[in-house]
Amino acid sequence: MKKIAFVCITNSCRSQMAEAFCLQLGKGQVKSYSAGLNPVFSIDENAIMVMAEKGIKMDNQYPKKMGDIPDCFDVLITLGDDSFDHYIKADKREVWHLDDPKGKDINAYRRTRDLIYDKVEKLVNEIQVSV
C-alpha cells in the first residue's frame, strides 16, 4: 500500500481536503495523511462545508503536527509552501501552489476544493497504475 502525506502550515483546510479526497479515491490502495508545521485547533468550518457538498465527511480528521504522522512516505505533497518539507522523507515530492482560501468567500473554498480534487484524482490514478 502506498503512503501519501499532504502538508501545509496549519493543517486546517487544503491538506485536510486532500487527505479526505485521497482516502475516498484511493480505494484501499493508498493510505493518506495530513499534517501542518503549526496546526490549528480545528478544521476550517468552510472546508468541512464545501467537502460535505461533495458527499465527503471529515468527521474522523483533525489537525495534526508533523510528529503525529509517520516520517517516511512514497509521496509527499506540500500545499502552498515547500520550505518545511525536509521534516519528512519521501521517494517523490511535489508542491501544489494553491492559494489558501481561508478568510475568503465560500466560492474560493469551492474553487480550491475542485482544484485539489483534480490533483488528487490524477495522483491516485498514477499510483494505482504503478502498483
C-alpha atoms as a PDB file:
ATOM      1  CA  MET A   1       0.000   0.000   0.000  1.00  0.00           C
ATOM      2  CA  LYS A   2       1.357   3.417  -0.993  1.00  0.00           C
ATOM      3  CA  LYS A   3       1.541   6.180   1.627  1.00  0.00           C
ATOM      4  CA  ILE A   4       0.899   9.824   0.748  1.00  0.00           C
ATOM      5  CA  ALA A   5       1.313  12.859   3.004  1.00  0.00           C
ATOM      6  CA  PHE A   6      -0.262  16.246   2.420  1.00  0.00           C
ATOM      7  CA  VAL A   7       1.363  19.005   4.453  1.00  0.00           C
ATOM      8  CA  CYS A   8       0.884  22.732   4.869  1.00  0.00           C
ATOM      9  CA  ILE A   9       1.297  25.295   7.619  1.00  0.00           C
ATOM     10  CA  THR A  10      -1.905  24.975   9.707  1.00  0.00           C
ATOM     11  CA  ASN A  11      -3.425  21.668   8.506  1.00  0.00           C
ATOM     12  CA  SER A  12      -6.873  23.230   8.642  1.00  0.00           C
ATOM     13  CA  CYS A  13      -8.096  23.389   5.049  1.00  0.00           C
ATOM     14  CA  ARG A  14      -6.190  22.408   1.879  1.00  0.00           C
ATOM     15  CA  SER A  15      -4.233  19.478   3.298  1.00  0.00           C
ATOM     16  CA  GLN A  16      -7.348  18.202   5.082  1.00  0.00           C
ATOM     17  CA  MET A  17      -9.344  18.321   1.839  1.00  0.00           C
ATOM     18  CA  ALA A  18      -6.557  16.488   0.010  1.00  0.00           C
ATOM     19  CA  GLU A  19      -6.382  13.795   2.700  1.00  0.00           C
ATOM     20  CA  ALA A  20     -10.162  13.278   2.552  1.00  0.00           C
ATOM     21  CA  PHE A  21     -10.239  13.030  -1.246  1.00  0.00           C
ATOM     22  CA  CYS A  22      -7.288  10.650  -1.235  1.00  0.00           C
ATOM     23  CA  LEU A  23      -8.987   8.402   1.306  1.00  0.00           C
ATOM     24  CA  GLN A  24     -12.067   8.261  -0.929  1.00  0.00           C
ATOM     25  CA  LEU A  25     -10.298   7.887  -4.270  1.00  0.00           C
ATOM     26  CA  GLY A  26      -7.539   5.561  -3.063  1.00  0.00           C
ATOM     27  CA  LYS A  27      -9.994   2.706  -2.558  1.00  0.00           C
ATOM     28  CA  GLY A  28      -7.803   0.863  -0.074  1.00  0.00           C
ATOM     29  CA  GLN A  29      -4.672   1.020  -2.251  1.00  0.00           C
ATOM     30  CA  VAL A  30      -3.475   4.323  -0.809  1.00  0.00           C
ATOM     31  CA  LYS A  31      -3.075   5.429   2.785  1.00  0.00           C
ATOM     32  CA  SER A  32      -3.196   9.198   3.182  1.00  0.00           C
ATOM     33  CA  TYR A  33      -2.163  11.529   5.965  1.00  0.00           C
ATOM     34  CA  SER A  34      -2.102  15.257   6.514  1.00  0.00           C
ATOM     35  CA  ALA A  35      -0.183  17.470   8.914  1.00  0.00           C
ATOM     36  CA  GLY A  36       0.936  21.038   9.464  1.00  0.00           C
ATOM     37  CA  LEU A  37       4.002  22.820  10.700  1.00  0.00           C
ATOM     38  CA  ASN A  38       1.857  24.887  13.089  1.00  0.00           C
ATOM     39  CA  PRO A  39      -1.509  23.111  13.227  1.00  0.00           C
ATOM     40  CA  VAL A  40      -4.560  24.927  14.498  1.00  0.00           C
ATOM     41  CA  PHE A  41      -7.142  23.523  16.910  1.00  0.00           C
ATOM     42  CA  SER A  42      -9.804  22.501  14.386  1.00  0.00           C
ATOM     43  CA  ILE A  43     -10.520  22.084  10.692  1.00  0.00           C
ATOM     44  CA  ASP A  44     -11.859  25.202   8.972  1.00  0.00           C
ATOM     45  CA  GLU A  45     -15.685  25.118   9.039  1.00  0.00           C
ATOM     46  CA  ASN A  46     -15.928  26.311   5.433  1.00  0.00           C
ATOM     47  CA  ALA A  47     -13.647  23.471   4.322  1.00  0.00           C
ATOM     48  CA  ILE A  48     -15.917  20.990   6.106  1.00  0.00           C
ATOM     49  CA  MET A  49     -18.976  22.577   4.469  1.00  0.00           C
ATOM     50  CA  VAL A  50     -17.669  22.531   0.885  1.00  0.00           C
ATOM     51  CA  MET A  51     -16.454  18.942   1.259  1.00  0.00           C
ATOM     52  CA  ALA A  52     -19.913  17.941   2.530  1.00  0.00           C
ATOM     53  CA  GLU A  53     -21.346  19.453  -0.664  1.00  0.00           C
ATOM     54  CA  LYS A  54     -19.461  16.677  -2.492  1.00  0.00           C
ATOM     55  CA  GLY A  55     -20.605  13.994  -0.056  1.00  0.00           C
ATOM     56  CA  ILE A  56     -17.280  13.860   1.811  1.00  0.00           C
ATOM     57  CA  LYS A  57     -17.374  13.870   5.594  1.00  0.00           C
ATOM     58  CA  MET A  58     -14.248  14.739   7.537  1.00  0.00           C
ATOM     59  CA  ASP A  59     -15.580  13.628  10.925  1.00  0.00           C
ATOM     60  CA  ASN A  60     -12.548  11.459  11.703  1.00  0.00           C
ATOM     61  CA  GLN A  61      -9.999  14.060  10.658  1.00  0.00           C
ATOM     62  CA  TYR A  62      -8.318  16.662  12.829  1.00  0.00           C
ATOM     63  CA  PRO A  63      -5.300  18.970  12.528  1.00  0.00           C
ATOM     64  CA  LYS A  64      -2.027  17.195  13.274  1.00  0.00           C
ATOM     65  CA  LYS A  65       1.557  18.289  13.703  1.00  0.00           C
ATOM     66  CA  MET A  66       4.378  16.723  11.719  1.00  0.00           C
ATOM     67  CA  GLY A  67       5.347  14.438  14.598  1.00  0.00           C
ATOM     68  CA  ASP A  68       1.845  12.916  14.643  1.00  0.00           C
ATOM     69  CA  ILE A  69       2.269  11.185  11.285  1.00  0.00           C
ATOM     70  CA  PRO A  70       4.891   8.698  10.039  1.00  0.00           C
ATOM     71  CA  ASP A  71       8.196  10.188   8.920  1.00  0.00           C
ATOM     72  CA  CYS A  72       8.566   8.333   5.603  1.00  0.00           C
ATOM     73  CA  PHE A  73       6.229   8.303   2.576  1.00  0.00           C
ATOM     74  CA  ASP A  74       6.050   7.235  -1.028  1.00  0.00           C
ATOM     75  CA  VAL A  75       4.742  10.685  -1.983  1.00  0.00           C
ATOM     76  CA  LEU A  76       4.896  13.997  -0.125  1.00  0.00           C
ATOM     77  CA  ILE A  77       2.703  16.844  -1.332  1.00  0.00           C
ATOM     78  CA  THR A  78       3.237  20.283   0.130  1.00  0.00           C
ATOM     79  CA  LEU A  79       0.428  22.737  -0.377  1.00  0.00           C
ATOM     80  CA  GLY A  80       1.490  26.303  -0.955  1.00  0.00           C
ATOM     81  CA  ASP A  81       4.969  26.290   0.589  1.00  0.00           C
ATOM     82  CA  ASP A  82       7.741  23.725   0.442  1.00  0.00           C
ATOM     83  CA  SER A  83      10.133  25.397   2.875  1.00  0.00           C
ATOM     84  CA  PHE A  84       9.370  22.820   5.567  1.00  0.00           C
ATOM     85  CA  ASP A  85       9.154  19.592   3.586  1.00  0.00           C
ATOM     86  CA  HIS A  86      12.575  18.467   4.845  1.00  0.00           C
ATOM     87  CA  TYR A  87      10.853  17.218   8.014  1.00  0.00           C
ATOM     88  CA  ILE A  88       9.537  14.184   6.140  1.00  0.00           C
ATOM     89  CA  LYS A  89      11.322  11.608   3.991  1.00  0.00           C
ATOM     90  CA  ALA A  90       9.675  10.737   0.696  1.00  0.00           C
ATOM     91  CA  ASP A  91      10.517   8.928  -2.519  1.00  0.00           C
ATOM     92  CA  LYS A  92       8.684  11.575  -4.549  1.00  0.00           C
ATOM     93  CA  ARG A  93       7.920  15.209  -3.703  1.00  0.00           C
ATOM     94  CA  GLU A  94       5.542  17.693  -5.288  1.00  0.00           C
ATOM     95  CA  VAL A  95       4.495  21.223  -4.457  1.00  0.00           C
ATOM     96  CA  TRP A  96       0.940  22.217  -5.256  1.00  0.00           C
ATOM     97  CA  HIS A  97       0.887  26.000  -5.356  1.00  0.00           C
ATOM     98  CA  LEU A  98      -2.737  26.505  -4.374  1.00  0.00           C
ATOM     99  CA  ASP A  99      -3.941  29.670  -2.683  1.00  0.00           C
ATOM    100  CA  ASP A 100      -5.264  29.229   0.824  1.00  0.00           C
ATOM    101  CA  PRO A 101      -8.968  30.162   0.753  1.00  0.00           C
ATOM    102  CA  LYS A 102      -9.020  30.997   4.480  1.00  0.00           C
ATOM    103  CA  GLY A 103     -10.683  34.357   5.032  1.00  0.00           C
ATOM    104  CA  LYS A 104     -12.143  34.469   1.530  1.00  0.00           C
ATOM    105  CA  ASP A 105     -15.702  33.866   0.370  1.00  0.00           C
ATOM    106  CA  ILE A 106     -17.207  30.385   0.096  1.00  0.00           C
ATOM    107  CA  ASN A 107     -16.624  30.286  -3.662  1.00  0.00           C
ATOM    108  CA  ALA A 108     -12.860  30.500  -3.060  1.00  0.00           C
ATOM    109  CA  TYR A 109     -13.175  27.354  -0.924  1.00  0.00           C
ATOM    110  CA  ARG A 110     -15.132  25.632  -3.670  1.00  0.00           C
ATOM    111  CA  ARG A 111     -12.543  26.547  -6.306  1.00  0.00           C
ATOM    112  CA  THR A 112      -9.721  25.291  -4.083  1.00  0.00           C
ATOM    113  CA  ARG A 113     -11.659  22.093  -3.312  1.00  0.00           C
ATOM    114  CA  ASP A 114     -12.197  21.399  -7.001  1.00  0.00           C
ATOM    115  CA  LEU A 115      -8.535  22.034  -7.860  1.00  0.00           C
ATOM    116  CA  ILE A 116      -7.468  19.706  -5.064  1.00  0.00           C
ATOM    117  CA  TYR A 117      -9.890  17.030  -6.243  1.00  0.00           C
ATOM    118  CA  ASP A 118      -8.460  17.143  -9.775  1.00  0.00           C
ATOM    119  CA  LYS A 119      -4.878  16.914  -8.495  1.00  0.00           C
ATOM    120  CA  VAL A 120      -5.618  14.111  -6.030  1.00  0.00           C
ATOM    121  CA  GLU A 121      -7.533  12.148  -8.662  1.00  0.00           C
ATOM    122  CA  LYS A 122      -4.589  12.392 -11.063  1.00  0.00           C
ATOM    123  CA  LEU A 123      -2.109  11.429  -8.337  1.00  0.00           C
ATOM    124  CA  VAL A 124      -4.123   8.426  -7.169  1.00  0.00           C
ATOM    125  CA  ASN A 125      -4.636   7.227 -10.750  1.00  0.00           C
ATOM    126  CA  GLU A 126      -0.877   7.422 -11.363  1.00  0.00           C
ATOM    127  CA  ILE A 127      -0.188   5.468  -8.182  1.00  0.00           C
ATOM    128  CA  GLN A 128      -2.793   2.815  -8.917  1.00  0.00           C
ATOM    129  CA  VAL A 129      -1.375   2.298 -12.401  1.00  0.00           C
ATOM    130  CA  SER A 130       2.135   1.810 -10.967  1.00  0.00           C
ATOM    131  CA  VAL A 131       1.007  -0.680  -8.269  1.00  0.00           C
END
